Amino acid sequence: MFEISDKEFRRVAHFIKVNYGIHLNNEKKILVVGRLGQVMQRLNINNFSDYLDYIIADKSGEAAKTFINQMTTNHTFFMREADHFNYFRDTVLSSLLPRVRDKDLRVWSAGCSSGEEPYTLAILIDEYLGSARIGWDTQLLATDISEKVLNRAKKGIYSSEAVALLPKRWRHSYFKRHADNHYEVSNKIKKEVVFRRFNLMESFPFKKKFHVIFCRNVMIYFDADTKMNLIRKFYDSLEPGGYLFIGHSETINREDTRFKYVMPAVYRKE
């Protein structure tokens, strides 16, 4: 069993805060040891200082990818916080689509985890447009910092329990039965989602602004300053009238943002 000194923990916490925005308080010591200890054991590294030195010295970036893969929590499920999806379908699409130029709808699922959120959004868009989708570019962007979880998302394979609560028509139209009682997202929907690894702490490289950004249950890992800086970047990356969805456990101080509050965890750029 590995042990981490106070000095080593402060160094790990500083590294993950500076590079990934994640805030670790002292209560996370056990989590750090549990998640990184197995990696250190495989590498035959005996202490956390040497492990951080190893990450920093690795110019390929693979060691850093392994580090963040271990340190991030990727828990999600289909129709999580379902009222958001209902609002997206019933209100957002109907208000946005008539104003979208060149039939180019731009939606970003930031912190997409294993893919349930962006696939759900792609299905909702496809259902909403129906036969009228000809000529529309509705391909959406899905990003996450964890390459491991992105690889799982790209496969689009989920257990029968995971899709059990989805409408029966969705399971019939947008999924296909897979081996071992699993379901795979149809190629039609897979083509509508572009998965990319992206660190939200980096400068946003996007040439065009988005109409909708989903970033739910990601900012709970950030301190107040990091969260507000990210919210400002989201605001600047949205078209006027665009929507930001955050997690229900997250809040935005209305005095510190230009976003207009719409409903719990939903904000709009005016």
C-alpha atoms as a PDB file:
ATOM      1  CA  MET A   1       0.000   0.000   0.000  1.00  0.00           C
ATOM      2  CA  PHE A   2       1.418   3.373  -0.997  1.00  0.00           C
ATOM      3  CA  GLU A   3       1.437   6.381   1.308  1.00  0.00           C
ATOM      4  CA  ILE A   4       1.448  10.028   0.297  1.00  0.00           C
ATOM      5  CA  SER A   5       3.024  12.752   2.422  1.00  0.00           C
ATOM      6  CA  ASP A   6       1.445  16.184   2.843  1.00  0.00           C
ATOM      7  CA  LYS A   7       4.156  17.685   0.640  1.00  0.00           C
ATOM      8  CA  GLU A   8       3.591  15.087  -2.088  1.00  0.00           C
ATOM      9  CA  PHE A   9      -0.169  15.589  -1.972  1.00  0.00           C
ATOM     10  CA  ARG A  10       0.225  19.355  -2.314  1.00  0.00           C
ATOM     11  CA  ARG A  11       2.413  18.777  -5.342  1.00  0.00           C
ATOM     12  CA  VAL A  12      -0.097  16.389  -6.944  1.00  0.00           C
ATOM     13  CA  ALA A  13      -2.952  18.799  -6.170  1.00  0.00           C
ATOM     14  CA  HIS A  14      -1.022  21.706  -7.677  1.00  0.00           C
ATOM     15  CA  PHE A  15      -0.206  19.721 -10.819  1.00  0.00           C
ATOM     16  CA  ILE A  16      -3.805  18.679 -11.493  1.00  0.00           C
ATOM     17  CA  LYS A  17      -5.137  22.182 -10.685  1.00  0.00           C
ATOM     18  CA  VAL A  18      -2.700  23.992 -13.000  1.00  0.00           C
ATOM     19  CA  ASN A  19      -3.034  21.544 -15.887  1.00  0.00           C
ATOM     20  CA  TYR A  20      -6.665  20.390 -15.658  1.00  0.00           C
ATOM     21  CA  GLY A  21      -8.499  22.828 -13.381  1.00  0.00           C
ATOM     22  CA  ILE A  22      -9.480  20.114 -10.896  1.00  0.00           C
ATOM     23  CA  HIS A  23      -9.422  21.135  -7.238  1.00  0.00           C
ATOM     24  CA  LEU A  24      -8.350  18.475  -4.729  1.00  0.00           C
ATOM     25  CA  ASN A  25      -8.840  19.142  -1.030  1.00  0.00           C
ATOM     26  CA  ASN A  26      -7.143  17.143   1.729  1.00  0.00           C
ATOM     27  CA  GLU A  27     -10.077  14.754   1.903  1.00  0.00           C
ATOM     28  CA  LYS A  28      -9.033  13.410  -1.514  1.00  0.00           C
ATOM     29  CA  LYS A  29      -5.756  11.892  -0.266  1.00  0.00           C
ATOM     30  CA  ILE A  30      -7.186   8.397  -0.075  1.00  0.00           C
ATOM     31  CA  LEU A  31      -8.670   8.769  -3.571  1.00  0.00           C
ATOM     32  CA  VAL A  32      -5.304   9.868  -4.977  1.00  0.00           C
ATOM     33  CA  VAL A  33      -3.496   6.925  -3.411  1.00  0.00           C
ATOM     34  CA  GLY A  34      -6.151   4.442  -4.538  1.00  0.00           C
ATOM     35  CA  ARG A  35      -6.279   5.614  -8.148  1.00  0.00           C
ATOM     36  CA  LEU A  36      -2.617   6.301  -8.787  1.00  0.00           C
ATOM     37  CA  GLY A  37      -1.081   3.552  -6.655  1.00  0.00           C
ATOM     38  CA  GLN A  38      -1.891   0.829  -9.178  1.00  0.00           C
ATOM     39  CA  VAL A  39      -0.220   2.829 -11.949  1.00  0.00           C
ATOM     40  CA  MET A  40       2.887   3.403  -9.838  1.00  0.00           C
ATOM     41  CA  GLN A  41       3.014  -0.293  -9.052  1.00  0.00           C
ATOM     42  CA  ARG A  42       2.984  -1.193 -12.751  1.00  0.00           C
ATOM     43  CA  LEU A  43       5.767   1.303 -13.386  1.00  0.00           C
ATOM     44  CA  ASN A  44       7.760   0.134 -10.351  1.00  0.00           C
ATOM     45  CA  ILE A  45       7.759   3.684  -8.945  1.00  0.00           C
ATOM     46  CA  ASN A  46       7.818   3.842  -5.159  1.00  0.00           C
ATOM     47  CA  ASN A  47       6.707   7.377  -4.298  1.00  0.00           C
ATOM     48  CA  PHE A  48       4.509  10.146  -5.646  1.00  0.00           C
ATOM     49  CA  SER A  49       7.319  12.645  -6.156  1.00  0.00           C
ATOM     50  CA  ASP A  50       9.113  10.257  -8.491  1.00  0.00           C
ATOM     51  CA  TYR A  51       5.810   9.555 -10.270  1.00  0.00           C
ATOM     52  CA  LEU A  52       5.192  13.261 -10.936  1.00  0.00           C
ATOM     53  CA  ASP A  53       8.777  13.649 -12.144  1.00  0.00           C
ATOM     54  CA  TYR A  54       8.120  10.746 -14.514  1.00  0.00           C
ATOM     55  CA  ILE A  55       4.953  12.406 -15.879  1.00  0.00           C
ATOM     56  CA  ILE A  56       6.663  15.760 -16.411  1.00  0.00           C
ATOM     57  CA  ALA A  57       9.693  14.147 -18.090  1.00  0.00           C
ATOM     58  CA  ASP A  58       7.559  12.143 -20.533  1.00  0.00           C
ATOM     59  CA  LYS A  59       7.465  14.352 -23.620  1.00  0.00           C
ATOM     60  CA  SER A  60       5.086  11.985 -25.450  1.00  0.00           C
ATOM     61  CA  GLY A  61       2.257  12.994 -23.128  1.00  0.00           C
ATOM     62  CA  GLU A  62       1.181   9.382 -22.605  1.00  0.00           C
ATOM     63  CA  ALA A  63       2.039   9.418 -18.903  1.00  0.00           C
ATOM     64  CA  ALA A  64      -0.094  12.532 -18.399  1.00  0.00           C
ATOM     65  CA  LYS A  65      -2.989  10.878 -20.257  1.00  0.00           C
ATOM     66  CA  THR A  66      -2.785   7.862 -17.969  1.00  0.00           C
ATOM     67  CA  PHE A  67      -2.682  10.152 -14.952  1.00  0.00           C
ATOM     68  CA  ILE A  68      -5.832  12.074 -15.881  1.00  0.00           C
ATOM     69  CA  ASN A  69      -7.622   8.902 -16.995  1.00  0.00           C
ATOM     70  CA  GLN A  70      -7.136   7.563 -13.465  1.00  0.00           C
ATOM     71  CA  MET A  71      -8.050  10.789 -11.691  1.00  0.00           C
ATOM     72  CA  THR A  72     -11.306  11.647 -13.463  1.00  0.00           C
ATOM     73  CA  THR A  73     -14.694  10.229 -12.538  1.00  0.00           C
ATOM     74  CA  ASN A  74     -16.793   9.302 -15.546  1.00  0.00           C
ATOM     75  CA  HIS A  75     -20.190   8.462 -14.165  1.00  0.00           C
ATOM     76  CA  THR A  76     -23.183   9.127 -16.372  1.00  0.00           C
ATOM     77  CA  PHE A  77     -26.227   7.399 -17.816  1.00  0.00           C
ATOM     78  CA  PHE A  78     -28.885   7.862 -20.478  1.00  0.00           C
ATOM     79  CA  MET A  79     -31.453  10.593 -19.743  1.00  0.00           C
ATOM     80  CA  ARG A  80     -29.536  11.889 -16.723  1.00  0.00           C
ATOM     81  CA  GLU A  81     -31.366  15.038 -15.568  1.00  0.00           C
ATOM     82  CA  ALA A  82     -34.084  14.292 -18.125  1.00  0.00           C
ATOM     83  CA  ASP A  83     -35.767  17.697 -17.801  1.00  0.00           C
ATOM     84  CA  HIS A  84     -32.813  19.158 -19.696  1.00  0.00           C
ATOM     85  CA  PHE A  85     -33.379  16.883 -22.660  1.00  0.00           C
ATOM     86  CA  ASN A  86     -37.103  17.634 -22.615  1.00  0.00           C
ATOM     87  CA  TYR A  87     -36.402  21.368 -22.619  1.00  0.00           C
ATOM     88  CA  PHE A  88     -33.841  20.967 -25.401  1.00  0.00           C
ATOM     89  CA  ARG A  89     -36.403  19.107 -27.518  1.00  0.00           C
ATOM     90  CA  ASP A  90     -39.513  21.133 -26.724  1.00  0.00           C
ATOM     91  CA  THR A  91     -38.132  24.657 -26.436  1.00  0.00           C
ATOM     92  CA  VAL A  92     -34.532  25.042 -27.558  1.00  0.00           C
ATOM     93  CA  LEU A  93     -34.828  23.352 -30.944  1.00  0.00           C
ATOM     94  CA  SER A  94     -38.082  25.090 -31.831  1.00  0.00           C
ATOM     95  CA  SER A  95     -36.701  28.518 -30.916  1.00  0.00           C
ATOM     96  CA  LEU A  96     -33.235  28.080 -32.415  1.00  0.00           C
ATOM     97  CA  LEU A  97     -33.734  26.255 -35.700  1.00  0.00           C
ATOM     98  CA  PRO A  98     -35.673  29.031 -37.487  1.00  0.00           C
ATOM     99  CA  ARG A  99     -32.781  31.397 -36.727  1.00  0.00           C
ATOM    100  CA  VAL A 100     -29.879  29.093 -37.636  1.00  0.00           C
ATOM    101  CA  ARG A 101     -28.086  30.349 -40.721  1.00  0.00           C
ATOM    102  CA  ASP A 102     -27.166  27.970 -43.533  1.00  0.00           C
ATOM    103  CA  LYS A 103     -28.842  25.091 -41.681  1.00  0.00           C
ATOM    104  CA  ASP A 104     -25.668  24.644 -39.612  1.00  0.00           C
ATOM    105  CA  LEU A 105     -26.681  23.717 -36.053  1.00  0.00           C
ATOM    106  CA  ARG A 106     -23.689  23.636 -33.704  1.00  0.00           C
ATOM    107  CA  VAL A 107     -24.024  21.754 -30.402  1.00  0.00           C
ATOM    108  CA  TRP A 108     -21.165  20.899 -28.023  1.00  0.00           C
ATOM    109  CA  SER A 109     -21.253  18.229 -25.325  1.00  0.00           C
ATOM    110  CA  ALA A 110     -18.309  19.222 -23.114  1.00  0.00           C
ATOM    111  CA  GLY A 111     -17.288  16.509 -20.669  1.00  0.00           C
ATOM    112  CA  CYS A 112     -19.212  13.907 -22.640  1.00  0.00           C
ATOM    113  CA  SER A 113     -17.901  10.919 -20.655  1.00  0.00           C
ATOM    114  CA  SER A 114     -18.964   7.583 -22.177  1.00  0.00           C
ATOM    115  CA  GLY A 115     -21.228   9.126 -24.802  1.00  0.00           C
ATOM    116  CA  GLU A 116     -24.755   8.843 -23.471  1.00  0.00           C
ATOM    117  CA  GLU A 117     -25.342  12.618 -23.496  1.00  0.00           C
ATOM    118  CA  PRO A 118     -24.208  13.424 -27.066  1.00  0.00           C
ATOM    119  CA  TYR A 119     -25.925  10.359 -28.517  1.00  0.00           C
ATOM    120  CA  THR A 120     -29.160  11.382 -26.783  1.00  0.00           C
ATOM    121  CA  LEU A 121     -28.876  14.904 -28.201  1.00  0.00           C
ATOM    122  CA  ALA A 122     -28.227  13.523 -31.693  1.00  0.00           C
ATOM    123  CA  ILE A 123     -31.323  11.321 -31.445  1.00  0.00           C
ATOM    124  CA  LEU A 124     -33.466  14.235 -30.263  1.00  0.00           C
ATOM    125  CA  ILE A 125     -32.300  16.376 -33.176  1.00  0.00           C
ATOM    126  CA  ASP A 126     -32.924  13.582 -35.673  1.00  0.00           C
ATOM    127  CA  GLU A 127     -36.409  12.948 -34.306  1.00  0.00           C
ATOM    128  CA  TYR A 128     -37.274  16.632 -34.252  1.00  0.00           C
ATOM    129  CA  LEU A 129     -36.215  17.301 -37.836  1.00  0.00           C
ATOM    130  CA  GLY A 130     -37.514  14.043 -39.267  1.00  0.00           C
ATOM    131  CA  SER A 131     -37.909  14.233 -43.030  1.00  0.00           C
ATOM    132  CA  ALA A 132     -37.026  17.953 -42.930  1.00  0.00           C
ATOM    133  CA  ARG A 133     -33.408  17.265 -41.959  1.00  0.00           C
ATOM    134  CA  ILE A 134     -32.276  17.227 -45.622  1.00  0.00           C
ATOM    135  CA  GLY A 135     -29.665  19.945 -46.081  1.00  0.00           C
ATOM    136  CA  TRP A 136     -29.025  20.364 -42.357  1.00  0.00           C
ATOM    137  CA  ASP A 137     -25.580  19.952 -40.810  1.00  0.00           C
ATOM    138  CA  THR A 138     -26.380  18.775 -37.304  1.00  0.00           C
ATOM    139  CA  GLN A 139     -23.157  16.944 -36.493  1.00  0.00           C
ATOM    140  CA  LEU A 140     -22.324  17.754 -32.876  1.00  0.00           C
ATOM    141  CA  LEU A 141     -19.012  17.913 -31.016  1.00  0.00           C
ATOM    142  CA  ALA A 142     -18.398  15.730 -27.952  1.00  0.00           C
ATOM    143  CA  THR A 143     -15.229  16.238 -25.906  1.00  0.00           C
ATOM    144  CA  ASP A 144     -13.686  14.842 -22.776  1.00  0.00           C
ATOM    145  CA  ILE A 145     -10.296  14.965 -21.127  1.00  0.00           C
ATOM    146  CA  SER A 146     -10.130  11.184 -20.693  1.00  0.00           C
ATOM    147  CA  GLU A 147      -9.008   9.244 -23.740  1.00  0.00           C
ATOM    148  CA  LYS A 148     -10.045   5.996 -22.096  1.00  0.00           C
ATOM    149  CA  VAL A 149     -13.668   7.065 -21.742  1.00  0.00           C
ATOM    150  CA  LEU A 150     -13.706   8.565 -25.248  1.00  0.00           C
ATOM    151  CA  ASN A 151     -12.682   5.227 -26.730  1.00  0.00           C
ATOM    152  CA  ARG A 152     -15.632   3.660 -24.937  1.00  0.00           C
ATOM    153  CA  ALA A 153     -17.960   6.380 -26.205  1.00  0.00           C
ATOM    154  CA  LYS A 154     -16.863   5.938 -29.817  1.00  0.00           C
ATOM    155  CA  LYS A 155     -17.830   2.260 -29.687  1.00  0.00           C
ATOM    156  CA  GLY A 156     -21.342   3.221 -28.592  1.00  0.00           C
ATOM    157  CA  ILE A 157     -22.069  -0.143 -26.965  1.00  0.00           C
ATOM    158  CA  TYR A 158     -24.233  -0.212 -23.829  1.00  0.00           C
ATOM    159  CA  SER A 159     -25.809  -2.872 -21.652  1.00  0.00           C
ATOM    160  CA  SER A 160     -29.485  -3.693 -21.928  1.00  0.00           C
ATOM    161  CA  GLU A 161     -29.916  -2.206 -18.429  1.00  0.00           C
ATOM    162  CA  ALA A 162     -28.345   1.072 -19.598  1.00  0.00           C
ATOM    163  CA  VAL A 163     -30.889   1.520 -22.396  1.00  0.00           C
ATOM    164  CA  ALA A 164     -33.862   0.032 -20.552  1.00  0.00           C
ATOM    165  CA  LEU A 165     -35.407   3.400 -19.679  1.00  0.00           C
ATOM    166  CA  LEU A 166     -35.137   4.796 -23.191  1.00  0.00           C
ATOM    167  CA  PRO A 167     -38.320   4.951 -25.295  1.00  0.00           C
ATOM    168  CA  LYS A 168     -38.991   1.663 -27.053  1.00  0.00           C
ATOM    169  CA  ARG A 169     -39.060   3.429 -30.422  1.00  0.00           C
ATOM    170  CA  TRP A 170     -35.507   4.652 -29.785  1.00  0.00           C
ATOM    171  CA  ARG A 171     -34.210   1.171 -29.050  1.00  0.00           C
ATOM    172  CA  HIS A 172     -35.849   0.011 -32.251  1.00  0.00           C
ATOM    173  CA  SER A 173     -34.802   2.891 -34.512  1.00  0.00           C
ATOM    174  CA  TYR A 174     -31.485   4.076 -33.125  1.00  0.00           C
ATOM    175  CA  PHE A 175     -29.861   0.965 -31.648  1.00  0.00           C
ATOM    176  CA  LYS A 176     -29.056  -2.510 -32.841  1.00  0.00           C
ATOM    177  CA  ARG A 177     -28.795  -5.638 -30.750  1.00  0.00           C
ATOM    178  CA  HIS A 178     -25.221  -6.537 -29.946  1.00  0.00           C
ATOM    179  CA  ALA A 179     -23.572  -9.614 -28.492  1.00  0.00           C
ATOM    180  CA  ASP A 180     -24.021 -10.531 -24.820  1.00  0.00           C
ATOM    181  CA  ASN A 181     -27.330  -8.718 -24.394  1.00  0.00           C
ATOM    182  CA  HIS A 182     -25.895  -5.322 -25.293  1.00  0.00           C
ATOM    183  CA  TYR A 183     -27.091  -2.589 -27.638  1.00  0.00           C
ATOM    184  CA  GLU A 184     -24.990  -0.595 -30.086  1.00  0.00           C
ATOM    185  CA  VAL A 185     -25.834   2.912 -31.286  1.00  0.00           C
ATOM    186  CA  SER A 186     -26.775   2.869 -34.975  1.00  0.00           C
ATOM    187  CA  ASN A 187     -24.273   4.111 -37.544  1.00  0.00           C
ATOM    188  CA  LYS A 188     -26.750   6.832 -38.491  1.00  0.00           C
ATOM    189  CA  ILE A 189     -26.406   8.393 -35.034  1.00  0.00           C
ATOM    190  CA  LYS A 190     -22.703   7.616 -34.626  1.00  0.00           C
ATOM    191  CA  LYS A 191     -22.019   9.678 -37.739  1.00  0.00           C
ATOM    192  CA  GLU A 192     -23.736  12.639 -36.073  1.00  0.00           C
ATOM    193  CA  VAL A 193     -21.235  12.787 -33.181  1.00  0.00           C
ATOM    194  CA  VAL A 194     -17.571  13.808 -33.471  1.00  0.00           C
ATOM    195  CA  PHE A 195     -15.566  12.742 -30.420  1.00  0.00           C
ATOM    196  CA  ARG A 196     -12.396  14.648 -29.546  1.00  0.00           C
ATOM    197  CA  ARG A 197     -10.061  14.789 -26.558  1.00  0.00           C
ATOM    198  CA  PHE A 198     -10.037  18.330 -25.177  1.00  0.00           C
ATOM    199  CA  ASN A 199      -8.896  20.011 -21.972  1.00  0.00           C
ATOM    200  CA  LEU A 200     -11.321  22.762 -20.957  1.00  0.00           C
ATOM    201  CA  MET A 201      -8.436  24.676 -19.369  1.00  0.00           C
ATOM    202  CA  GLU A 202      -6.912  25.261 -22.794  1.00  0.00           C
ATOM    203  CA  SER A 203      -7.774  28.156 -25.080  1.00  0.00           C
ATOM    204  CA  PHE A 204     -10.850  27.382 -27.141  1.00  0.00           C
ATOM    205  CA  PRO A 205      -9.807  26.831 -30.770  1.00  0.00           C
ATOM    206  CA  PHE A 206     -13.278  26.965 -32.320  1.00  0.00           C
ATOM    207  CA  LYS A 207     -13.718  29.114 -35.423  1.00  0.00           C
ATOM    208  CA  LYS A 208     -17.508  29.206 -35.195  1.00  0.00           C
ATOM    209  CA  LYS A 209     -19.693  29.835 -32.169  1.00  0.00           C
ATOM    210  CA  PHE A 210     -22.075  27.212 -30.807  1.00  0.00           C
ATOM    211  CA  HIS A 211     -25.839  27.416 -30.494  1.00  0.00           C
ATOM    212  CA  VAL A 212     -25.953  25.057 -27.490  1.00  0.00           C
ATOM    213  CA  ILE A 213     -23.328  23.908 -24.977  1.00  0.00           C
ATOM    214  CA  PHE A 214     -23.920  21.103 -22.499  1.00  0.00           C
ATOM    215  CA  CYS A 215     -21.329  21.012 -19.698  1.00  0.00           C
ATOM    216  CA  ARG A 216     -22.997  19.142 -16.887  1.00  0.00           C
ATOM    217  CA  ASN A 217     -21.440  17.853 -13.671  1.00  0.00           C
ATOM    218  CA  VAL A 218     -17.951  18.905 -14.732  1.00  0.00           C
ATOM    219  CA  MET A 219     -17.505  22.178 -12.862  1.00  0.00           C
ATOM    220  CA  ILE A 220     -18.169  20.512  -9.501  1.00  0.00           C
ATOM    221  CA  TYR A 221     -14.464  19.595  -9.599  1.00  0.00           C
ATOM    222  CA  PHE A 222     -13.314  23.213 -10.062  1.00  0.00           C
ATOM    223  CA  ASP A 223     -12.806  26.014  -7.571  1.00  0.00           C
ATOM    224  CA  ALA A 224     -14.776  29.255  -7.911  1.00  0.00           C
ATOM    225  CA  ASP A 225     -12.218  31.161  -9.986  1.00  0.00           C
ATOM    226  CA  THR A 226     -11.645  28.299 -12.411  1.00  0.00           C
ATOM    227  CA  LYS A 227     -15.391  27.821 -12.816  1.00  0.00           C
ATOM    228  CA  MET A 228     -16.046  31.498 -13.554  1.00  0.00           C
ATOM    229  CA  ASN A 229     -13.221  31.659 -16.098  1.00  0.00           C
ATOM    230  CA  LEU A 230     -14.724  28.652 -17.863  1.00  0.00           C
ATOM    231  CA  ILE A 231     -18.221  30.151 -17.816  1.00  0.00           C
ATOM    232  CA  ARG A 232     -16.849  33.319 -19.443  1.00  0.00           C
ATOM    233  CA  LYS A 233     -15.254  31.226 -22.173  1.00  0.00           C
ATOM    234  CA  PHE A 234     -18.545  29.399 -22.725  1.00  0.00           C
ATOM    235  CA  TYR A 235     -20.356  32.745 -22.992  1.00  0.00           C
ATOM    236  CA  ASP A 236     -17.897  34.002 -25.586  1.00  0.00           C
ATOM    237  CA  SER A 237     -18.209  30.720 -27.514  1.00  0.00           C
ATOM    238  CA  LEU A 238     -21.997  30.907 -27.866  1.00  0.00           C
ATOM    239  CA  GLU A 239     -24.064  32.629 -30.531  1.00  0.00           C
ATOM    240  CA  PRO A 240     -26.429  35.338 -29.239  1.00  0.00           C
ATOM    241  CA  GLY A 241     -29.526  33.504 -28.020  1.00  0.00           C
ATOM    242  CA  GLY A 242     -27.498  30.345 -27.421  1.00  0.00           C
ATOM    243  CA  TYR A 243     -28.011  28.076 -24.410  1.00  0.00           C
ATOM    244  CA  LEU A 244     -25.701  26.711 -21.708  1.00  0.00           C
ATOM    245  CA  PHE A 245     -26.765  23.638 -19.729  1.00  0.00           C
ATOM    246  CA  ILE A 246     -24.912  22.821 -16.500  1.00  0.00           C
ATOM    247  CA  GLY A 247     -25.505  20.163 -13.839  1.00  0.00           C
ATOM    248  CA  HIS A 248     -28.269  20.547 -11.256  1.00  0.00           C
ATOM    249  CA  SER A 249     -25.660  20.348  -8.497  1.00  0.00           C
ATOM    250  CA  GLU A 250     -23.832  23.314 -10.047  1.00  0.00           C
ATOM    251  CA  THR A 251     -24.667  26.996  -9.828  1.00  0.00           C
ATOM    252  CA  ILE A 252     -23.704  30.250 -11.542  1.00  0.00           C
ATOM    253  CA  ASN A 253     -23.642  33.471  -9.547  1.00  0.00           C
ATOM    254  CA  ARG A 254     -26.014  35.651 -11.537  1.00  0.00           C
ATOM    255  CA  GLU A 255     -24.242  38.815 -10.403  1.00  0.00           C
ATOM    256  CA  ASP A 256     -20.969  37.604 -11.933  1.00  0.00           C
ATOM    257  CA  THR A 257     -22.207  36.476 -15.325  1.00  0.00           C
ATOM    258  CA  ARG A 258     -23.845  37.954 -18.401  1.00  0.00           C
ATOM    259  CA  PHE A 259     -25.918  34.797 -18.862  1.00  0.00           C
ATOM    260  CA  LYS A 260     -29.631  35.080 -18.311  1.00  0.00           C
ATOM    261  CA  TYR A 261     -31.157  32.477 -15.995  1.00  0.00           C
ATOM    262  CA  VAL A 262     -33.828  30.405 -17.789  1.00  0.00           C
ATOM    263  CA  MET A 263     -34.593  27.502 -15.444  1.00  0.00           C
ATOM    264  CA  PRO A 264     -32.604  25.380 -12.983  1.00  0.00           C
ATOM    265  CA  ALA A 265     -29.172  24.727 -14.542  1.00  0.00           C
ATOM    266  CA  VAL A 266     -30.127  26.332 -17.898  1.00  0.00           C
ATOM    267  CA  TYR A 267     -28.815  29.743 -18.997  1.00  0.00           C
ATOM    268  CA  ARG A 268     -29.078  31.796 -22.184  1.00  0.00           C
ATOM    269  CA  LYS A 269     -26.820  34.330 -23.862  1.00  0.00           C
ATOM    270  CA  GLU A 270     -28.840  37.387 -24.827  1.00  0.00           C
END
